[in-house]
PDB file of N, CA and C in Angstrom:
ATOM      1  N   UNK A   1     -31.267  11.499  54.928  1.00  0.00           N
ATOM      2  CA  UNK A   1     -29.840  11.313  54.636  1.00  0.00           C
ATOM      3  C   UNK A   1     -29.624  10.116  53.716  1.00  0.00           C
ATOM      4  N   UNK A   2     -30.305   8.998  54.018  1.00  0.00           N
ATOM      5  CA  UNK A   2     -30.144   7.776  53.209  1.00  0.00           C
ATOM      6  C   UNK A   2     -30.604   8.021  51.771  1.00  0.00           C
ATOM      7  N   UNK A   3     -31.715   8.736  51.622  1.00  0.00           N
ATOM      8  CA  UNK A   3     -32.223   9.060  50.287  1.00  0.00           C
ATOM      9  C   UNK A   3     -31.229   9.881  49.489  1.00  0.00           C
ATOM     10  N   UNK A   4     -30.591  10.829  50.171  1.00  0.00           N
ATOM     11  CA  UNK A   4     -29.585  11.674  49.517  1.00  0.00           C
ATOM     12  C   UNK A   4     -28.390  10.840  49.066  1.00  0.00           C
ATOM     13  N   UNK A   5     -27.955   9.915  49.932  1.00  0.00           N
ATOM     14  CA  UNK A   5     -26.831   9.043  49.596  1.00  0.00           C
ATOM     15  C   UNK A   5     -27.161   8.171  48.393  1.00  0.00           C
ATOM     16  N   UNK A   6     -28.408   7.681  48.348  1.00  0.00           N
ATOM     17  CA  UNK A   6     -28.843   6.857  47.207  1.00  0.00           C
ATOM     18  C   UNK A   6     -28.769   7.662  45.922  1.00  0.00           C
ATOM     19  N   UNK A   7     -29.252   8.901  45.983  1.00  0.00           N
ATOM     20  CA  UNK A   7     -29.211   9.777  44.806  1.00  0.00           C
ATOM     21  C   UNK A   7     -27.781   9.979  44.330  1.00  0.00           C
ATOM     22  N   UNK A   8     -26.889  10.238  45.278  1.00  0.00           N
ATOM     23  CA  UNK A   8     -25.481  10.459  44.936  1.00  0.00           C
ATOM     24  C   UNK A   8     -24.878   9.237  44.256  1.00  0.00           C
ATOM     25  N   UNK A   9     -25.146   8.050  44.809  1.00  0.00           N
ATOM     26  CA  UNK A   9     -24.562   6.835  44.227  1.00  0.00           C
ATOM     27  C   UNK A   9     -25.152   6.560  42.846  1.00  0.00           C
ATOM     28  N   UNK A  10     -26.437   6.869  42.655  1.00  0.00           N
ATOM     29  CA  UNK A  10     -27.054   6.694  41.335  1.00  0.00           C
ATOM     30  C   UNK A  10     -26.419   7.638  40.319  1.00  0.00           C
ATOM     31  N   UNK A  11     -26.158   8.866  40.742  1.00  0.00           N
ATOM     32  CA  UNK A  11     -25.504   9.837  39.856  1.00  0.00           C
ATOM     33  C   UNK A  11     -24.118   9.340  39.455  1.00  0.00           C
ATOM     34  N   UNK A  12     -23.376   8.832  40.441  1.00  0.00           N
ATOM     35  CA  UNK A  12     -22.020   8.346  40.172  1.00  0.00           C
ATOM     36  C   UNK A  12     -22.047   7.136  39.251  1.00  0.00           C
ATOM     37  N   UNK A  13     -23.024   6.243  39.463  1.00  0.00           N
ATOM     38  CA  UNK A  13     -23.142   5.066  38.594  1.00  0.00           C
ATOM     39  C   UNK A  13     -23.449   5.482  37.160  1.00  0.00           C
ATOM     40  N   UNK A  14     -24.310   6.482  37.002  1.00  0.00           N
ATOM     41  CA  UNK A  14     -24.640   6.986  35.666  1.00  0.00           C
ATOM     42  C   UNK A  14     -23.402   7.588  35.004  1.00  0.00           C
ATOM     43  N   UNK A  15     -22.612   8.323  35.787  1.00  0.00           N
ATOM     44  CA  UNK A  15     -21.371   8.905  35.268  1.00  0.00           C
ATOM     45  C   UNK A  15     -20.404   7.825  34.809  1.00  0.00           C
ATOM     46  N   UNK A  16     -20.255   6.784  35.630  1.00  0.00           N
ATOM     47  CA  UNK A  16     -19.348   5.682  35.292  1.00  0.00           C
ATOM     48  C   UNK A  16     -19.805   5.002  34.004  1.00  0.00           C
ATOM     49  N   UNK A  17     -21.116   4.775  33.885  1.00  0.00           N
ATOM     50  CA  UNK A  17     -21.673   4.141  32.681  1.00  0.00           C
ATOM     51  C   UNK A  17     -21.359   4.989  31.453  1.00  0.00           C
ATOM     52  N   UNK A  18     -21.544   6.300  31.591  1.00  0.00           N
ATOM     53  CA  UNK A  18     -21.283   7.238  30.504  1.00  0.00           C
ATOM     54  C   UNK A  18     -19.810   7.214  30.110  1.00  0.00           C
ATOM     55  N   UNK A  19     -18.928   7.199  31.110  1.00  0.00           N
ATOM     56  CA  UNK A  19     -17.490   7.162  30.837  1.00  0.00           C
ATOM     57  C   UNK A  19     -17.104   5.878  30.119  1.00  0.00           C
ATOM     58  N   UNK A  20     -17.707   4.765  30.513  1.00  0.00           N
ATOM     59  CA  UNK A  20     -17.419   3.487  29.852  1.00  0.00           C
ATOM     60  C   UNK A  20     -17.809   3.542  28.383  1.00  0.00           C
ATOM     61  N   UNK A  21     -18.969   4.162  28.107  1.00  0.00           N
ATOM     62  CA  UNK A  21     -19.408   4.328  26.713  1.00  0.00           C
ATOM     63  C   UNK A  21     -18.377   5.131  25.930  1.00  0.00           C
ATOM     64  N   UNK A  22     -17.914   6.242  26.530  1.00  0.00           N
ATOM     65  CA  UNK A  22     -16.948   7.111  25.855  1.00  0.00           C
ATOM     66  C   UNK A  22     -15.628   6.392  25.618  1.00  0.00           C
ATOM     67  N   UNK A  23     -15.202   5.577  26.588  1.00  0.00           N
ATOM     68  CA  UNK A  23     -13.956   4.817  26.430  1.00  0.00           C
ATOM     69  C   UNK A  23     -14.089   3.854  25.258  1.00  0.00           C
ATOM     70  N   UNK A  24     -15.228   3.164  25.170  1.00  0.00           N
ATOM     71  CA  UNK A  24     -15.446   2.238  24.057  1.00  0.00           C
ATOM     72  C   UNK A  24     -15.455   2.970  22.725  1.00  0.00           C
ATOM     73  N   UNK A  25     -16.069   4.169  22.695  1.00  0.00           N
ATOM     74  CA  UNK A  25     -16.081   4.956  21.463  1.00  0.00           C
ATOM     75  C   UNK A  25     -14.659   5.313  21.048  1.00  0.00           C
ATOM     76  N   UNK A  26     -13.832   5.701  22.025  1.00  0.00           N
ATOM     77  CA  UNK A  26     -12.443   6.051  21.727  1.00  0.00           C
ATOM     78  C   UNK A  26     -11.661   4.850  21.228  1.00  0.00           C
ATOM     79  N   UNK A  27     -11.922   3.680  21.810  1.00  0.00           N
ATOM     80  CA  UNK A  27     -11.248   2.463  21.352  1.00  0.00           C
ATOM     81  C   UNK A  27     -11.595   2.192  19.894  1.00  0.00           C
ATOM     82  N   UNK A  28     -12.890   2.331  19.554  1.00  0.00           N
ATOM     83  CA  UNK A  28     -13.324   2.109  18.176  1.00  0.00           C
ATOM     84  C   UNK A  28     -12.716   3.143  17.245  1.00  0.00           C
ATOM     85  N   UNK A  29     -12.610   4.384  17.719  1.00  0.00           N
ATOM     86  CA  UNK A  29     -12.040   5.454  16.910  1.00  0.00           C
ATOM     87  C   UNK A  29     -10.575   5.172  16.604  1.00  0.00           C
ATOM     88  N   UNK A  30      -9.852   4.660  17.592  1.00  0.00           N
ATOM     89  CA  UNK A  30      -8.428   4.385  17.368  1.00  0.00           C
ATOM     90  C   UNK A  30      -8.246   3.318  16.297  1.00  0.00           C
ATOM     91  N   UNK A  31      -9.221   2.412  16.155  1.00  0.00           N
ATOM     92  CA  UNK A  31      -9.157   1.412  15.082  1.00  0.00           C
ATOM     93  C   UNK A  31      -9.316   2.086  13.718  1.00  0.00           C
ATOM     94  N   UNK A  32     -10.169   3.121  13.682  1.00  0.00           N
ATOM     95  CA  UNK A  32     -10.442   3.806  12.417  1.00  0.00           C
ATOM     96  C   UNK A  32      -9.332   4.774  12.014  1.00  0.00           C
ATOM     97  N   UNK A  33      -8.474   5.153  12.957  1.00  0.00           N
ATOM     98  CA  UNK A  33      -7.444   6.159  12.667  1.00  0.00           C
ATOM     99  C   UNK A  33      -6.526   5.715  11.533  1.00  0.00           C
ATOM    100  N   UNK A  34      -6.324   4.402  11.401  1.00  0.00           N
ATOM    101  CA  UNK A  34      -5.504   3.889  10.306  1.00  0.00           C
ATOM    102  C   UNK A  34      -6.078   4.278   8.949  1.00  0.00           C
ATOM    103  N   UNK A  35      -7.393   4.514   8.893  1.00  0.00           N
ATOM    104  CA  UNK A  35      -8.057   4.807   7.627  1.00  0.00           C
ATOM    105  C   UNK A  35      -8.157   6.306   7.353  1.00  0.00           C
ATOM    106  N   UNK A  36      -7.604   7.120   8.250  1.00  0.00           N
ATOM    107  CA  UNK A  36      -7.691   8.577   8.061  1.00  0.00           C
ATOM    108  C   UNK A  36      -6.486   9.070   7.262  1.00  0.00           C
ATOM    109  N   UNK A  37      -6.740   9.910   6.291  1.00  0.00           N
ATOM    110  CA  UNK A  37      -5.630  10.492   5.538  1.00  0.00           C
ATOM    111  C   UNK A  37      -5.977  11.934   5.199  1.00  0.00           C
ATOM    112  N   UNK A  38      -4.998  12.686   4.746  1.00  0.00           N
ATOM    113  CA  UNK A  38      -5.239  14.080   4.381  1.00  0.00           C
ATOM    114  C   UNK A  38      -5.534  14.193   2.889  1.00  0.00           C
ATOM    115  N   UNK A  39      -6.560  14.958   2.531  1.00  0.00           N
ATOM    116  CA  UNK A  39      -6.807  15.206   1.117  1.00  0.00           C
ATOM    117  C   UNK A  39      -6.001  16.432   0.692  1.00  0.00           C
ATOM    118  N   UNK A  40      -6.094  16.813  -0.582  1.00  0.00           N
ATOM    119  CA  UNK A  40      -5.304  17.920  -1.128  1.00  0.00           C
ATOM    120  C   UNK A  40      -5.552  19.232  -0.385  1.00  0.00           C
ATOM    121  N   UNK A  41      -6.777  19.408   0.116  1.00  0.00           N
ATOM    122  CA  UNK A  41      -7.124  20.653   0.805  1.00  0.00           C
ATOM    123  C   UNK A  41      -6.633  20.680   2.249  1.00  0.00           C
ATOM    124  N   UNK A  42      -6.050  19.570   2.722  1.00  0.00           N
ATOM    125  CA  UNK A  42      -5.573  19.524   4.099  1.00  0.00           C
ATOM    126  C   UNK A  42      -6.642  19.154   5.107  1.00  0.00           C
ATOM    127  N   UNK A  43      -7.817  18.722   4.600  1.00  0.00           N
ATOM    128  CA  UNK A  43      -8.873  18.262   5.502  1.00  0.00           C
ATOM    129  C   UNK A  43      -8.590  16.810   5.886  1.00  0.00           C
ATOM    130  N   UNK A  44      -9.121  16.391   7.023  1.00  0.00           N
ATOM    131  CA  UNK A  44      -9.010  14.988   7.401  1.00  0.00           C
ATOM    132  C   UNK A  44     -10.137  14.208   6.744  1.00  0.00           C
ATOM    133  N   UNK A  45      -9.780  13.124   6.061  1.00  0.00           N
ATOM    134  CA  UNK A  45     -10.782  12.270   5.432  1.00  0.00           C
ATOM    135  C   UNK A  45     -10.877  10.970   6.209  1.00  0.00           C
ATOM    136  N   UNK A  46     -12.088  10.533   6.499  1.00  0.00           N
ATOM    137  CA  UNK A  46     -12.271   9.203   7.070  1.00  0.00           C
ATOM    138  C   UNK A  46     -12.789   8.335   5.937  1.00  0.00           C
ATOM    139  N   UNK A  47     -11.887   7.656   5.277  1.00  0.00           N
ATOM    140  CA  UNK A  47     -12.225   6.953   4.048  1.00  0.00           C
ATOM    141  C   UNK A  47     -13.285   5.886   4.266  1.00  0.00           C
ATOM    142  N   UNK A  48     -13.275   5.239   5.431  1.00  0.00           N
ATOM    143  CA  UNK A  48     -14.256   4.180   5.667  1.00  0.00           C
ATOM    144  C   UNK A  48     -15.661   4.746   5.787  1.00  0.00           C
ATOM    145  N   UNK A  49     -15.797   5.820   6.586  1.00  0.00           N
ATOM    146  CA  UNK A  49     -17.136   6.308   6.890  1.00  0.00           C
ATOM    147  C   UNK A  49     -17.704   7.213   5.810  1.00  0.00           C
ATOM    148  N   UNK A  50     -16.864   7.855   5.027  1.00  0.00           N
ATOM    149  CA  UNK A  50     -17.382   8.803   4.033  1.00  0.00           C
ATOM    150  C   UNK A  50     -17.056   8.359   2.606  1.00  0.00           C
ATOM    151  N   UNK A  51     -17.004   7.053   2.396  1.00  0.00           N
ATOM    152  CA  UNK A  51     -16.863   6.462   1.057  1.00  0.00           C
ATOM    153  C   UNK A  51     -15.766   7.099   0.213  1.00  0.00           C
ATOM    154  N   UNK A  52     -14.598   7.338   0.812  1.00  0.00           N
ATOM    155  CA  UNK A  52     -13.469   7.841   0.036  1.00  0.00           C
ATOM    156  C   UNK A  52     -13.486   9.328  -0.237  1.00  0.00           C
ATOM    157  N   UNK A  53     -14.513  10.029   0.247  1.00  0.00           N
ATOM    158  CA  UNK A  53     -14.569  11.477   0.043  1.00  0.00           C
ATOM    159  C   UNK A  53     -14.346  12.191   1.362  1.00  0.00           C
ATOM    160  N   UNK A  54     -13.784  13.377   1.283  1.00  0.00           N
ATOM    161  CA  UNK A  54     -13.553  14.183   2.472  1.00  0.00           C
ATOM    162  C   UNK A  54     -14.895  14.634   3.044  1.00  0.00           C
ATOM    163  N   UNK A  55     -15.040  14.550   4.352  1.00  0.00           N
ATOM    164  CA  UNK A  55     -16.280  14.962   4.993  1.00  0.00           C
ATOM    165  C   UNK A  55     -16.503  16.458   4.935  1.00  0.00           C
ATOM    166  N   UNK A  56     -15.419  17.236   4.854  1.00  0.00           N
ATOM    167  CA  UNK A  56     -15.547  18.692   4.841  1.00  0.00           C
ATOM    168  C   UNK A  56     -15.666  19.229   3.427  1.00  0.00           C
ATOM    169  N   UNK A  57     -14.697  18.881   2.566  1.00  0.00           N
ATOM    170  CA  UNK A  57     -14.668  19.518   1.245  1.00  0.00           C
ATOM    171  C   UNK A  57     -15.207  18.615   0.136  1.00  0.00           C
ATOM    172  N   UNK A  58     -15.460  17.327   0.418  1.00  0.00           N
ATOM    173  CA  UNK A  58     -16.059  16.437  -0.570  1.00  0.00           C
ATOM    174  C   UNK A  58     -15.124  15.969  -1.669  1.00  0.00           C
ATOM    175  N   UNK A  59     -13.829  16.287  -1.561  1.00  0.00           N
ATOM    176  CA  UNK A  59     -12.865  15.888  -2.584  1.00  0.00           C
ATOM    177  C   UNK A  59     -12.512  14.419  -2.416  1.00  0.00           C
ATOM    178  N   UNK A  60     -12.362  13.723  -3.529  1.00  0.00           N
ATOM    179  CA  UNK A  60     -11.950  12.317  -3.490  1.00  0.00           C
ATOM    180  C   UNK A  60     -10.602  12.196  -2.806  1.00  0.00           C
ATOM    181  N   UNK A  61     -10.400  11.091  -2.119  1.00  0.00           N
ATOM    182  CA  UNK A  61      -9.116  10.842  -1.463  1.00  0.00           C
ATOM    183  C   UNK A  61      -8.026  10.766  -2.527  1.00  0.00           C
ATOM    184  N   UNK A  62      -6.890  11.425  -2.256  1.00  0.00           N
ATOM    185  CA  UNK A  62      -5.791  11.420  -3.223  1.00  0.00           C
ATOM    186  C   UNK A  62      -5.232  10.010  -3.368  1.00  0.00           C
TER     187      UNK A  62
END
């Protein structure tokens, strides 16, 4: 029984760690949202990460 409980708590701790990582990723993403704009084709461009070009269609940011 004790071994099973240990396994359960380890699983939960791993889940919590994973969720914390995802929360941090979302926080960082929200900072980048200011840099997102629509190109002529209606694709979302992340100007910071893709050097001013759309990640989908490759068109320069308008």
